[in-house]
Amino acid sequence: AIWPAVREALRQLQESLVPNEFVPGTATTTFVLA
């Protein structure tokens, strides 16, 4: 019950403190598509 709220709060905090702009030419991200 509490995990979604905890995960979202941690994510928002991280993105606010350490913004991560996606640069396609240098990114090494893996995306999962269903």
PDB file of all heavy atoms in Angstrom:
ATOM      1  N   ALA A   1       0.814  -1.207   0.000  1.00  0.00           N
ATOM      2  CA  ALA A   1       0.000   0.000   0.000  1.00  0.00           C
ATOM      3  C   ALA A   1       0.854   1.265   0.000  1.00  0.00           C
ATOM      4  O   ALA A   1       0.523   2.253  -0.664  1.00  0.00           O
ATOM      5  CB  ALA A   1      -0.939  -0.005   1.212  1.00  0.00           C
ATOM      6  N   ILE A   2       1.960   1.249   0.745  1.00  0.00           N
ATOM      7  CA  ILE A   2       2.757   2.482   0.869  1.00  0.00           C
ATOM      8  C   ILE A   2       3.871   2.584  -0.156  1.00  0.00           C
ATOM      9  O   ILE A   2       4.403   3.676  -0.384  1.00  0.00           O
ATOM     10  CB  ILE A   2       3.359   2.610   2.279  1.00  0.00           C
ATOM     11  CG1 ILE A   2       4.421   1.520   2.525  1.00  0.00           C
ATOM     12  CG2 ILE A   2       2.279   2.580   3.343  1.00  0.00           C
ATOM     13  CD1 ILE A   2       5.151   1.667   3.852  1.00  0.00           C
ATOM     14  N   TRP A   3       4.224   1.471  -0.813  1.00  0.00           N
ATOM     15  CA  TRP A   3       5.372   1.503  -1.719  1.00  0.00           C
ATOM     16  C   TRP A   3       5.219   2.496  -2.878  1.00  0.00           C
ATOM     17  O   TRP A   3       6.162   3.261  -3.173  1.00  0.00           O
ATOM     18  CB  TRP A   3       5.665   0.102  -2.251  1.00  0.00           C
ATOM     19  CG  TRP A   3       6.898   0.040  -3.113  1.00  0.00           C
ATOM     20  CD1 TRP A   3       8.073   0.723  -2.919  1.00  0.00           C
ATOM     21  CD2 TRP A   3       7.085  -0.755  -4.292  1.00  0.00           C
ATOM     22  NE1 TRP A   3       8.981   0.400  -3.905  1.00  0.00           N
ATOM     23  CE2 TRP A   3       8.397  -0.503  -4.754  1.00  0.00           C
ATOM     24  CE3 TRP A   3       6.284  -1.663  -4.976  1.00  0.00           C
ATOM     25  CZ2 TRP A   3       8.912  -1.118  -5.894  1.00  0.00           C
ATOM     26  CZ3 TRP A   3       6.792  -2.278  -6.102  1.00  0.00           C
ATOM     27  CH2 TRP A   3       8.091  -2.010  -6.564  1.00  0.00           C
ATOM     28  N   PRO A   4       4.068   2.553  -3.587  1.00  0.00           N
ATOM     29  CA  PRO A   4       3.970   3.512  -4.695  1.00  0.00           C
ATOM     30  C   PRO A   4       4.248   4.947  -4.262  1.00  0.00           C
ATOM     31  O   PRO A   4       4.937   5.701  -4.960  1.00  0.00           O
ATOM     32  CB  PRO A   4       2.531   3.330  -5.190  1.00  0.00           C
ATOM     33  CG  PRO A   4       2.173   1.940  -4.794  1.00  0.00           C
ATOM     34  CD  PRO A   4       2.859   1.717  -3.474  1.00  0.00           C
ATOM     35  N   ALA A   5       3.725   5.346  -3.095  1.00  0.00           N
ATOM     36  CA  ALA A   5       3.944   6.715  -2.623  1.00  0.00           C
ATOM     37  C   ALA A   5       5.402   6.941  -2.253  1.00  0.00           C
ATOM     38  O   ALA A   5       5.974   7.998  -2.540  1.00  0.00           O
ATOM     39  CB  ALA A   5       3.031   6.996  -1.422  1.00  0.00           C
ATOM     40  N   VAL A   6       6.013   5.946  -1.611  1.00  0.00           N
ATOM     41  CA  VAL A   6       7.430   6.066  -1.241  1.00  0.00           C
ATOM     42  C   VAL A   6       8.298   6.175  -2.489  1.00  0.00           C
ATOM     43  O   VAL A   6       9.171   7.046  -2.588  1.00  0.00           O
ATOM     44  CB  VAL A   6       7.871   4.858  -0.393  1.00  0.00           C
ATOM     45  CG1 VAL A   6       9.384   4.834  -0.225  1.00  0.00           C
ATOM     46  CG2 VAL A   6       7.190   4.888   0.975  1.00  0.00           C
ATOM     47  N   ARG A   7       8.038   5.314  -3.466  1.00  0.00           N
ATOM     48  CA  ARG A   7       8.854   5.324  -4.695  1.00  0.00           C
ATOM     49  C   ARG A   7       8.714   6.645  -5.448  1.00  0.00           C
ATOM     50  O   ARG A   7       9.700   7.212  -5.918  1.00  0.00           O
ATOM     51  CB  ARG A   7       8.451   4.148  -5.587  1.00  0.00           C
ATOM     52  CG  ARG A   7       8.973   4.229  -7.003  1.00  0.00           C
ATOM     53  CD  ARG A   7       9.142   2.878  -7.617  1.00  0.00           C
ATOM     54  NE  ARG A   7      10.370   2.244  -7.171  1.00  0.00           N
ATOM     55  CZ  ARG A   7      11.034   1.334  -7.884  1.00  0.00           C
ATOM     56  NH1 ARG A   7      10.575   0.945  -9.060  1.00  0.00           N
ATOM     57  NH2 ARG A   7      12.143   0.803  -7.431  1.00  0.00           N
ATOM     58  N   GLU A   8       7.496   7.140  -5.544  1.00  0.00           N
ATOM     59  CA  GLU A   8       7.276   8.386  -6.273  1.00  0.00           C
ATOM     60  C   GLU A   8       7.922   9.565  -5.545  1.00  0.00           C
ATOM     61  O   GLU A   8       8.509  10.447  -6.173  1.00  0.00           O
ATOM     62  CB  GLU A   8       5.782   8.625  -6.460  1.00  0.00           C
ATOM     63  CG  GLU A   8       5.438   9.861  -7.266  1.00  0.00           C
ATOM     64  CD  GLU A   8       5.989   9.815  -8.681  1.00  0.00           C
ATOM     65  OE1 GLU A   8       6.320   8.716  -9.180  1.00  0.00           O
ATOM     66  OE2 GLU A   8       6.110  10.891  -9.299  1.00  0.00           O
ATOM     67  N   ALA A   9       7.834   9.578  -4.212  1.00  0.00           N
ATOM     68  CA  ALA A   9       8.453  10.666  -3.447  1.00  0.00           C
ATOM     69  C   ALA A   9       9.968  10.656  -3.607  1.00  0.00           C
ATOM     70  O   ALA A   9      10.596  11.711  -3.800  1.00  0.00           O
ATOM     71  CB  ALA A   9       8.074  10.535  -1.970  1.00  0.00           C
ATOM     72  N   LEU A  10      10.580   9.484  -3.555  1.00  0.00           N
ATOM     73  CA  LEU A  10      12.028   9.388  -3.740  1.00  0.00           C
ATOM     74  C   LEU A  10      12.426   9.805  -5.149  1.00  0.00           C
ATOM     75  O   LEU A  10      13.449  10.470  -5.354  1.00  0.00           O
ATOM     76  CB  LEU A  10      12.498   7.957  -3.464  1.00  0.00           C
ATOM     77  CG  LEU A  10      12.415   7.488  -2.014  1.00  0.00           C
ATOM     78  CD1 LEU A  10      12.747   5.998  -1.915  1.00  0.00           C
ATOM     79  CD2 LEU A  10      13.363   8.289  -1.121  1.00  0.00           C
ATOM     80  N   ARG A  11      11.618   9.426  -6.120  1.00  0.00           N
ATOM     81  CA  ARG A  11      11.932   9.775  -7.499  1.00  0.00           C
ATOM     82  C   ARG A  11      11.875  11.292  -7.706  1.00  0.00           C
ATOM     83  O   ARG A  11      12.750  11.889  -8.338  1.00  0.00           O
ATOM     84  CB  ARG A  11      10.957   9.086  -8.444  1.00  0.00           C
ATOM     85  CG  ARG A  11      11.354   9.209  -9.923  1.00  0.00           C
ATOM     86  CD  ARG A  11      10.190   8.826 -10.828  1.00  0.00           C
ATOM     87  NE  ARG A  11       9.628   7.546 -10.476  1.00  0.00           N
ATOM     88  CZ  ARG A  11      10.157   6.380 -10.862  1.00  0.00           C
ATOM     89  NH1 ARG A  11      11.244   6.356 -11.582  1.00  0.00           N
ATOM     90  NH2 ARG A  11       9.577   5.251 -10.512  1.00  0.00           N
ATOM     91  N   GLN A  12      10.820  11.918  -7.189  1.00  0.00           N
ATOM     92  CA  GLN A  12      10.683  13.357  -7.347  1.00  0.00           C
ATOM     93  C   GLN A  12      11.815  14.097  -6.650  1.00  0.00           C
ATOM     94  O   GLN A  12      12.332  15.096  -7.164  1.00  0.00           O
ATOM     95  CB  GLN A  12       9.333  13.814  -6.796  1.00  0.00           C
ATOM     96  CG  GLN A  12       8.146  13.368  -7.640  1.00  0.00           C
ATOM     97  CD  GLN A  12       6.832  13.908  -7.110  1.00  0.00           C
ATOM     98  OE1 GLN A  12       6.800  14.726  -6.193  1.00  0.00           O
ATOM     99  NE2 GLN A  12       5.730  13.432  -7.669  1.00  0.00           N
ATOM    100  N   LEU A  13      12.212  13.604  -5.487  1.00  0.00           N
ATOM    101  CA  LEU A  13      13.311  14.227  -4.766  1.00  0.00           C
ATOM    102  C   LEU A  13      14.606  14.125  -5.564  1.00  0.00           C
ATOM    103  O   LEU A  13      15.353  15.104  -5.708  1.00  0.00           O
ATOM    104  CB  LEU A  13      13.471  13.561  -3.398  1.00  0.00           C
ATOM    105  CG  LEU A  13      14.556  14.138  -2.478  1.00  0.00           C
ATOM    106  CD1 LEU A  13      14.278  15.602  -2.180  1.00  0.00           C
ATOM    107  CD2 LEU A  13      14.640  13.333  -1.194  1.00  0.00           C
ATOM    108  N   GLN A  14      14.878  12.950  -6.113  1.00  0.00           N
ATOM    109  CA  GLN A  14      16.087  12.769  -6.900  1.00  0.00           C
ATOM    110  C   GLN A  14      16.090  13.652  -8.139  1.00  0.00           C
ATOM    111  O   GLN A  14      17.096  14.282  -8.474  1.00  0.00           O
ATOM    112  CB  GLN A  14      16.235  11.309  -7.313  1.00  0.00           C
ATOM    113  CG  GLN A  14      17.478  11.044  -8.170  1.00  0.00           C
ATOM    114  CD  GLN A  14      17.621   9.580  -8.537  1.00  0.00           C
ATOM    115  OE1 GLN A  14      16.801   8.759  -8.137  1.00  0.00           O
ATOM    116  NE2 GLN A  14      18.632   9.256  -9.304  1.00  0.00           N
ATOM    117  N   GLU A  15      14.962  13.724  -8.828  1.00  0.00           N
ATOM    118  CA  GLU A  15      14.907  14.515 -10.046  1.00  0.00           C
ATOM    119  C   GLU A  15      15.021  16.005  -9.754  1.00  0.00           C
ATOM    120  O   GLU A  15      15.539  16.761 -10.578  1.00  0.00           O
ATOM    121  CB  GLU A  15      13.614  14.219 -10.801  1.00  0.00           C
ATOM    122  CG  GLU A  15      13.584  12.822 -11.392  1.00  0.00           C
ATOM    123  CD  GLU A  15      12.306  12.538 -12.158  1.00  0.00           C
ATOM    124  OE1 GLU A  15      11.404  13.412 -12.128  1.00  0.00           O
ATOM    125  OE2 GLU A  15      12.222  11.470 -12.778  1.00  0.00           O
ATOM    126  N   SER A  16      14.550  16.430  -8.589  1.00  0.00           N
ATOM    127  CA  SER A  16      14.666  17.844  -8.217  1.00  0.00           C
ATOM    128  C   SER A  16      16.096  18.209  -7.863  1.00  0.00           C
ATOM    129  O   SER A  16      16.591  19.285  -8.215  1.00  0.00           O
ATOM    130  CB  SER A  16      13.748  18.155  -7.032  1.00  0.00           C
ATOM    131  OG  SER A  16      12.390  17.952  -7.372  1.00  0.00           O
ATOM    132  N   LEU A  17      16.768  17.306  -7.166  1.00  0.00           N
ATOM    133  CA  LEU A  17      18.135  17.598  -6.722  1.00  0.00           C
ATOM    134  C   LEU A  17      19.179  17.303  -7.794  1.00  0.00           C
ATOM    135  O   LEU A  17      20.198  17.983  -7.880  1.00  0.00           O
ATOM    136  CB  LEU A  17      18.451  16.778  -5.458  1.00  0.00           C
ATOM    137  CG  LEU A  17      17.584  17.072  -4.237  1.00  0.00           C
ATOM    138  CD1 LEU A  17      17.939  16.136  -3.100  1.00  0.00           C
ATOM    139  CD2 LEU A  17      17.752  18.523  -3.806  1.00  0.00           C
ATOM    140  N   VAL A  18      18.928  16.272  -8.603  1.00  0.00           N
ATOM    141  CA  VAL A  18      19.894  15.875  -9.628  1.00  0.00           C
ATOM    142  C   VAL A  18      19.159  15.746 -10.962  1.00  0.00           C
ATOM    143  O   VAL A  18      18.865  14.642 -11.423  1.00  0.00           O
ATOM    144  CB  VAL A  18      20.596  14.544  -9.269  1.00  0.00           C
ATOM    145  CG1 VAL A  18      21.747  14.281 -10.237  1.00  0.00           C
ATOM    146  CG2 VAL A  18      21.085  14.546  -7.840  1.00  0.00           C
ATOM    147  N   PRO A  19      18.813  16.886 -11.588  1.00  0.00           N
ATOM    148  CA  PRO A  19      18.120  16.788 -12.867  1.00  0.00           C
ATOM    149  C   PRO A  19      18.973  16.053 -13.898  1.00  0.00           C
ATOM    150  O   PRO A  19      20.180  16.248 -13.962  1.00  0.00           O
ATOM    151  CB  PRO A  19      17.894  18.253 -13.268  1.00  0.00           C
ATOM    152  CG  PRO A  19      18.654  19.083 -12.317  1.00  0.00           C
ATOM    153  CD  PRO A  19      19.095  18.237 -11.170  1.00  0.00           C
ATOM    154  N   ASN A  20      18.330  15.226 -14.676  1.00  0.00           N
ATOM    155  CA  ASN A  20      19.057  14.379 -15.629  1.00  0.00           C
ATOM    156  C   ASN A  20      18.476  14.586 -17.017  1.00  0.00           C
ATOM    157  O   ASN A  20      17.495  13.973 -17.389  1.00  0.00           O
ATOM    158  CB  ASN A  20      18.947  12.912 -15.206  1.00  0.00           C
ATOM    159  CG  ASN A  20      19.781  12.009 -16.106  1.00  0.00           C
ATOM    160  OD1 ASN A  20      20.680  12.475 -16.796  1.00  0.00           O
ATOM    161  ND2 ASN A  20      19.473  10.731 -16.100  1.00  0.00           N
ATOM    162  N   GLU A  21      19.073  15.489 -17.791  1.00  0.00           N
ATOM    163  CA  GLU A  21      18.612  15.773 -19.141  1.00  0.00           C
ATOM    164  C   GLU A  21      19.065  14.665 -20.075  1.00  0.00           C
ATOM    165  O   GLU A  21      20.235  14.282 -20.086  1.00  0.00           O
ATOM    166  CB  GLU A  21      19.156  17.122 -19.621  1.00  0.00           C
ATOM    167  CG  GLU A  21      18.600  17.574 -20.955  1.00  0.00           C
ATOM    168  CD  GLU A  21      17.108  17.882 -20.890  1.00  0.00           C
ATOM    169  OE1 GLU A  21      16.617  18.189 -19.787  1.00  0.00           O
ATOM    170  OE2 GLU A  21      16.447  17.807 -21.942  1.00  0.00           O
ATOM    171  N   PHE A  22      18.125  14.144 -20.834  1.00  0.00           N
ATOM    172  CA  PHE A  22      18.411  13.043 -21.738  1.00  0.00           C
ATOM    173  C   PHE A  22      19.049  13.571 -23.012  1.00  0.00           C
ATOM    174  O   PHE A  22      18.487  14.419 -23.706  1.00  0.00           O
ATOM    175  CB  PHE A  22      17.110  12.303 -22.067  1.00  0.00           C
ATOM    176  CG  PHE A  22      17.285  11.120 -22.979  1.00  0.00           C
ATOM    177  CD1 PHE A  22      17.789   9.924 -22.497  1.00  0.00           C
ATOM    178  CD2 PHE A  22      16.931  11.205 -24.321  1.00  0.00           C
ATOM    179  CE1 PHE A  22      17.941   8.838 -23.330  1.00  0.00           C
ATOM    180  CE2 PHE A  22      17.066  10.110 -25.157  1.00  0.00           C
ATOM    181  CZ  PHE A  22      17.583   8.929 -24.661  1.00  0.00           C
ATOM    182  N   VAL A  23      20.233  13.068 -23.324  1.00  0.00           N
ATOM    183  CA  VAL A  23      20.946  13.434 -24.551  1.00  0.00           C
ATOM    184  C   VAL A  23      21.041  12.173 -25.394  1.00  0.00           C
ATOM    185  O   VAL A  23      21.854  11.289 -25.105  1.00  0.00           O
ATOM    186  CB  VAL A  23      22.343  13.998 -24.253  1.00  0.00           C
ATOM    187  CG1 VAL A  23      23.044  14.384 -25.561  1.00  0.00           C
ATOM    188  CG2 VAL A  23      22.257  15.189 -23.311  1.00  0.00           C
ATOM    189  N   PRO A  24      20.220  12.038 -26.433  1.00  0.00           N
ATOM    190  CA  PRO A  24      20.160  10.783 -27.185  1.00  0.00           C
ATOM    191  C   PRO A  24      21.515  10.300 -27.689  1.00  0.00           C
ATOM    192  O   PRO A  24      21.807   9.103 -27.632  1.00  0.00           O
ATOM    193  CB  PRO A  24      19.226  11.124 -28.358  1.00  0.00           C
ATOM    194  CG  PRO A  24      18.386  12.240 -27.854  1.00  0.00           C
ATOM    195  CD  PRO A  24      19.264  13.038 -26.941  1.00  0.00           C
ATOM    196  N   GLY A  25      22.346  11.201 -28.169  1.00  0.00           N
ATOM    197  CA  GLY A  25      23.615  10.791 -28.772  1.00  0.00           C
ATOM    198  C   GLY A  25      24.588  10.149 -27.810  1.00  0.00           C
ATOM    199  O   GLY A  25      25.463   9.379 -28.236  1.00  0.00           O
ATOM    200  N   THR A  26      24.452  10.434 -26.509  1.00  0.00           N
ATOM    201  CA  THR A  26      25.387   9.882 -25.521  1.00  0.00           C
ATOM    202  C   THR A  26      24.703   8.979 -24.500  1.00  0.00           C
ATOM    203  O   THR A  26      25.369   8.397 -23.646  1.00  0.00           O
ATOM    204  CB  THR A  26      26.107  11.019 -24.770  1.00  0.00           C
ATOM    205  OG1 THR A  26      25.133  11.858 -24.116  1.00  0.00           O
ATOM    206  CG2 THR A  26      26.928  11.869 -25.737  1.00  0.00           C
ATOM    207  N   ALA A  27      23.386   8.860 -24.569  1.00  0.00           N
ATOM    208  CA  ALA A  27      22.638   8.080 -23.578  1.00  0.00           C
ATOM    209  C   ALA A  27      22.900   6.588 -23.733  1.00  0.00           C
ATOM    210  O   ALA A  27      23.158   6.083 -24.830  1.00  0.00           O
ATOM    211  CB  ALA A  27      21.144   8.356 -23.714  1.00  0.00           C
ATOM    212  N   THR A  28      22.843   5.879 -22.617  1.00  0.00           N
ATOM    213  CA  THR A  28      22.983   4.417 -22.614  1.00  0.00           C
ATOM    214  C   THR A  28      21.771   3.778 -21.927  1.00  0.00           C
ATOM    215  O   THR A  28      21.863   2.702 -21.353  1.00  0.00           O
ATOM    216  CB  THR A  28      24.269   3.998 -21.889  1.00  0.00           C
ATOM    217  OG1 THR A  28      24.257   4.525 -20.543  1.00  0.00           O
ATOM    218  CG2 THR A  28      25.500   4.499 -22.631  1.00  0.00           C
ATOM    219  N   THR A  29      20.643   4.458 -21.995  1.00  0.00           N
ATOM    220  CA  THR A  29      19.412   4.007 -21.347  1.00  0.00           C
ATOM    221  C   THR A  29      18.844   2.760 -22.027  1.00  0.00           C
ATOM    222  O   THR A  29      19.005   2.574 -23.225  1.00  0.00           O
ATOM    223  CB  THR A  29      18.358   5.129 -21.406  1.00  0.00           C
ATOM    224  OG1 THR A  29      18.937   6.339 -20.902  1.00  0.00           O
ATOM    225  CG2 THR A  29      17.118   4.772 -20.601  1.00  0.00           C
ATOM    226  N   THR A  30      18.183   1.918 -21.230  1.00  0.00           N
ATOM    227  CA  THR A  30      17.415   0.794 -21.769  1.00  0.00           C
ATOM    228  C   THR A  30      15.942   1.034 -21.481  1.00  0.00           C
ATOM    229  O   THR A  30      15.556   1.246 -20.336  1.00  0.00           O
ATOM    230  CB  THR A  30      17.846  -0.541 -21.146  1.00  0.00           C
ATOM    231  OG1 THR A  30      19.206  -0.817 -21.499  1.00  0.00           O
ATOM    232  CG2 THR A  30      16.967  -1.686 -21.651  1.00  0.00           C
ATOM    233  N   PHE A  31      15.133   1.029 -22.528  1.00  0.00           N
ATOM    234  CA  PHE A  31      13.688   1.187 -22.391  1.00  0.00           C
ATOM    235  C   PHE A  31      13.010  -0.166 -22.587  1.00  0.00           C
ATOM    236  O   PHE A  31      13.443  -0.963 -23.418  1.00  0.00           O
ATOM    237  CB  PHE A  31      13.134   2.161 -23.440  1.00  0.00           C
ATOM    238  CG  PHE A  31      13.635   3.571 -23.301  1.00  0.00           C
ATOM    239  CD1 PHE A  31      14.531   4.103 -24.228  1.00  0.00           C
ATOM    240  CD2 PHE A  31      13.214   4.373 -22.259  1.00  0.00           C
ATOM    241  CE1 PHE A  31      14.988   5.396 -24.120  1.00  0.00           C
ATOM    242  CE2 PHE A  31      13.668   5.681 -22.132  1.00  0.00           C
ATOM    243  CZ  PHE A  31      14.558   6.193 -23.074  1.00  0.00           C
ATOM    244  N   VAL A  32      11.937  -0.385 -21.830  1.00  0.00           N
ATOM    245  CA  VAL A  32      11.165  -1.628 -21.954  1.00  0.00           C
ATOM    246  C   VAL A  32       9.790  -1.281 -22.512  1.00  0.00           C
ATOM    247  O   VAL A  32       9.062  -0.468 -21.946  1.00  0.00           O
ATOM    248  CB  VAL A  32      11.020  -2.342 -20.600  1.00  0.00           C
ATOM    249  CG1 VAL A  32      10.214  -3.624 -20.774  1.00  0.00           C
ATOM    250  CG2 VAL A  32      12.396  -2.650 -20.016  1.00  0.00           C
ATOM    251  N   LEU A  33       9.443  -1.902 -23.642  1.00  0.00           N
ATOM    252  CA  LEU A  33       8.156  -1.686 -24.297  1.00  0.00           C
ATOM    253  C   LEU A  33       7.370  -2.987 -24.282  1.00  0.00           C
ATOM    254  O   LEU A  33       7.918  -4.046 -24.568  1.00  0.00           O
ATOM    255  CB  LEU A  33       8.346  -1.241 -25.746  1.00  0.00           C
ATOM    256  CG  LEU A  33       8.601   0.241 -26.027  1.00  0.00           C
ATOM    257  CD1 LEU A  33       9.864   0.721 -25.333  1.00  0.00           C
ATOM    258  CD2 LEU A  33       8.703   0.488 -27.531  1.00  0.00           C
ATOM    259  N   ALA A  34       6.093  -2.893 -23.956  1.00  0.00           N
ATOM    260  CA  ALA A  34       5.199  -4.057 -24.002  1.00  0.00           C
ATOM    261  C   ALA A  34       4.285  -3.902 -25.205  1.00  0.00           C
ATOM    262  O   ALA A  34       3.572  -2.895 -25.317  1.00  0.00           O
ATOM    263  CB  ALA A  34       4.383  -4.161 -22.713  1.00  0.00           C
TER     264      ALA A  34
END
